[in-house]
Amino acid sequence: MYDLGLHVVWCPKYRRPVPEGRVVARLEELIRARADEQGWRIVALEVMPDHVHLFVQHDPKSSASYVANQFKGFTSRVLREEFPHLRSRMPTLWSSSYFAASAGAVSVNTVRRYIDTQWKRPGKRPGDGS
């Protein structure tokens, strides 16, 4: 038995904003599809203008780097194929770095609450003064 939760955050190359609308919707679909393929469970997911927050429960054989790179590599390849303007703006979609932390240091609910409240933080939503 295992209960491994991983909070992963990654950014677009040069921290450029991810285009909204269809690209964000497709990104979320791809992340969920990859998690399903791997047998992982998405606990929380939020695509912000300049980064992605993901909290995923994964199997013990998958390292943090493997989990992060499965999402980053897969989504970059598919999104750049489906949305040519992403190829012309950046040499790669995602930065090579990422943040990963296990949920062992904090509770699952704490990580979920942090991700779920991203849009409520000051200055996060364009035109939203709250």
Protein backbone atom coordinates (compact mmCIF):
# COMPACT_ATOMS: atom_id res chain seq x y z
CA MET A 1 0.00 0.00 0.00
CA TYR A 2 1.13 3.52 -0.67
CA ASP A 3 -0.10 7.10 -0.57
CA LEU A 4 2.34 9.29 -2.47
CA GLY A 5 1.29 12.82 -3.27
CA LEU A 6 3.43 15.15 -5.33
CA HIS A 7 2.94 18.90 -5.78
CA VAL A 8 4.54 19.87 -9.10
CA VAL A 9 4.86 23.41 -10.46
CA TRP A 10 6.34 24.29 -13.84
CA CYS A 11 6.55 27.41 -15.99
CA PRO A 12 6.57 28.22 -19.69
CA LYS A 13 9.91 29.04 -21.25
CA TYR A 14 10.95 32.61 -20.44
CA ARG A 15 7.94 32.67 -18.07
CA ARG A 16 5.79 33.83 -20.97
CA PRO A 17 2.06 33.59 -20.30
CA VAL A 18 0.29 30.48 -21.55
CA PRO A 19 -2.36 31.64 -24.02
CA GLU A 20 -5.84 31.39 -22.57
CA GLY A 21 -8.90 29.74 -24.00
CA ARG A 22 -8.47 26.66 -26.15
CA VAL A 23 -4.81 26.12 -25.25
CA VAL A 24 -5.49 26.08 -21.51
CA ALA A 25 -8.51 23.80 -21.92
CA ARG A 26 -6.47 21.42 -24.07
CA LEU A 27 -3.55 21.53 -21.61
CA GLU A 28 -5.86 20.47 -18.78
CA GLU A 29 -7.28 17.64 -20.94
CA LEU A 30 -3.78 16.41 -21.78
CA ILE A 31 -2.63 16.46 -18.16
CA ARG A 32 -5.66 14.44 -17.10
CA ALA A 33 -5.21 12.01 -20.01
CA ARG A 34 -1.54 11.41 -19.14
CA ALA A 35 -2.42 10.82 -15.49
CA ASP A 36 -5.07 8.29 -16.52
CA GLU A 37 -2.61 6.50 -18.83
CA GLN A 38 -0.11 6.19 -15.99
CA GLY A 39 -2.70 5.17 -13.39
CA TRP A 40 -2.12 8.34 -11.37
CA ARG A 41 -4.84 10.45 -9.72
CA ILE A 42 -5.10 14.21 -10.11
CA VAL A 43 -6.03 15.73 -6.76
CA ALA A 44 -5.79 19.39 -7.85
CA LEU A 45 -4.86 21.18 -11.06
CA GLU A 46 -4.70 24.89 -11.81
CA VAL A 47 -3.27 26.50 -14.94
CA MET A 48 -2.14 30.01 -14.09
CA PRO A 49 -1.08 32.59 -16.69
CA ASP A 50 2.63 31.91 -16.15
CA HIS A 51 2.79 28.52 -14.40
CA VAL A 52 0.98 25.25 -13.78
CA HIS A 53 0.17 23.79 -10.35
CA LEU A 54 -0.49 20.06 -10.19
CA PHE A 55 -1.05 17.83 -7.20
CA VAL A 56 -0.98 14.19 -8.25
CA GLN A 57 -0.96 10.89 -6.42
CA HIS A 58 1.38 8.42 -8.11
CA ASP A 59 2.81 4.94 -7.72
CA PRO A 60 6.02 4.29 -5.72
CA LYS A 61 8.01 3.24 -8.80
CA SER A 62 7.67 6.71 -10.38
CA SER A 63 10.19 9.30 -9.23
CA ALA A 64 9.34 12.98 -8.94
CA SER A 65 11.43 13.76 -12.02
CA TYR A 66 9.67 11.04 -14.02
CA VAL A 67 6.24 12.33 -13.02
CA ALA A 68 7.08 15.97 -13.82
CA ASN A 69 8.70 15.11 -17.13
CA GLN A 70 5.80 12.90 -18.21
CA PHE A 71 3.46 15.87 -17.96
CA LYS A 72 5.86 18.48 -19.32
CA GLY A 73 7.14 16.47 -22.28
CA PHE A 74 3.80 15.07 -23.37
CA THR A 75 1.91 18.36 -23.12
CA SER A 76 4.67 20.32 -24.87
CA ARG A 77 4.80 17.93 -27.81
CA VAL A 78 1.04 17.73 -28.34
CA LEU A 79 0.28 21.41 -27.76
CA ARG A 80 3.02 22.53 -30.14
CA GLU A 81 1.67 20.14 -32.80
CA GLU A 82 -1.91 21.32 -32.37
CA PHE A 83 -1.20 25.05 -31.92
CA PRO A 84 1.51 26.17 -34.38
CA HIS A 85 1.75 29.65 -32.86
CA LEU A 86 3.36 28.03 -29.79
CA ARG A 87 6.22 26.77 -31.99
CA SER A 88 6.93 30.19 -33.45
CA ARG A 89 7.01 32.05 -30.13
CA MET A 90 9.31 29.76 -28.11
CA PRO A 91 11.99 27.15 -28.84
CA THR A 92 10.30 24.86 -26.28
CA LEU A 93 7.02 25.29 -24.47
CA TRP A 94 8.20 24.63 -20.90
CA SER A 95 11.23 25.74 -18.96
CA SER A 96 13.63 22.90 -18.15
CA SER A 97 13.15 23.42 -14.42
CA TYR A 98 10.25 22.58 -12.13
CA PHE A 99 9.37 22.49 -8.44
CA ALA A 100 8.32 19.20 -6.85
CA ALA A 101 7.47 18.49 -3.23
CA SER A 102 6.00 15.44 -1.63
CA ALA A 103 2.92 15.87 0.52
CA GLY A 104 4.68 14.26 3.47
CA ALA A 105 5.73 17.61 4.93
CA VAL A 106 2.20 19.07 4.75
CA SER A 107 -1.21 17.51 4.53
CA VAL A 108 -2.97 16.73 1.28
CA ASN A 109 -5.72 19.18 2.23
CA THR A 110 -3.18 21.98 2.73
CA VAL A 111 -1.71 21.48 -0.74
CA ARG A 112 -5.17 21.20 -2.32
CA ARG A 113 -6.34 24.39 -0.56
CA TYR A 114 -3.20 26.25 -1.71
CA ILE A 115 -3.75 25.25 -5.34
CA ASP A 116 -7.50 25.85 -5.27
CA THR A 117 -7.04 29.42 -3.99
CA GLN A 118 -4.49 30.55 -6.59
CA TRP A 119 -7.00 32.80 -8.40
CA LYS A 120 -8.06 34.40 -5.11
CA ARG A 121 -4.59 35.85 -4.52
CA PRO A 122 -4.08 39.57 -5.29
CA GLY A 123 -3.16 40.39 -8.87
CA LYS A 124 -3.67 36.89 -10.26
CA ARG A 125 -6.66 37.47 -12.55
CA PRO A 126 -6.41 40.23 -15.16
CA GLY A 127 -8.66 43.12 -14.21
CA ASP A 128 -9.36 41.59 -10.80
CA GLY A 129 -8.33 43.99 -8.07
CA SER A 130 -8.95 41.52 -5.26
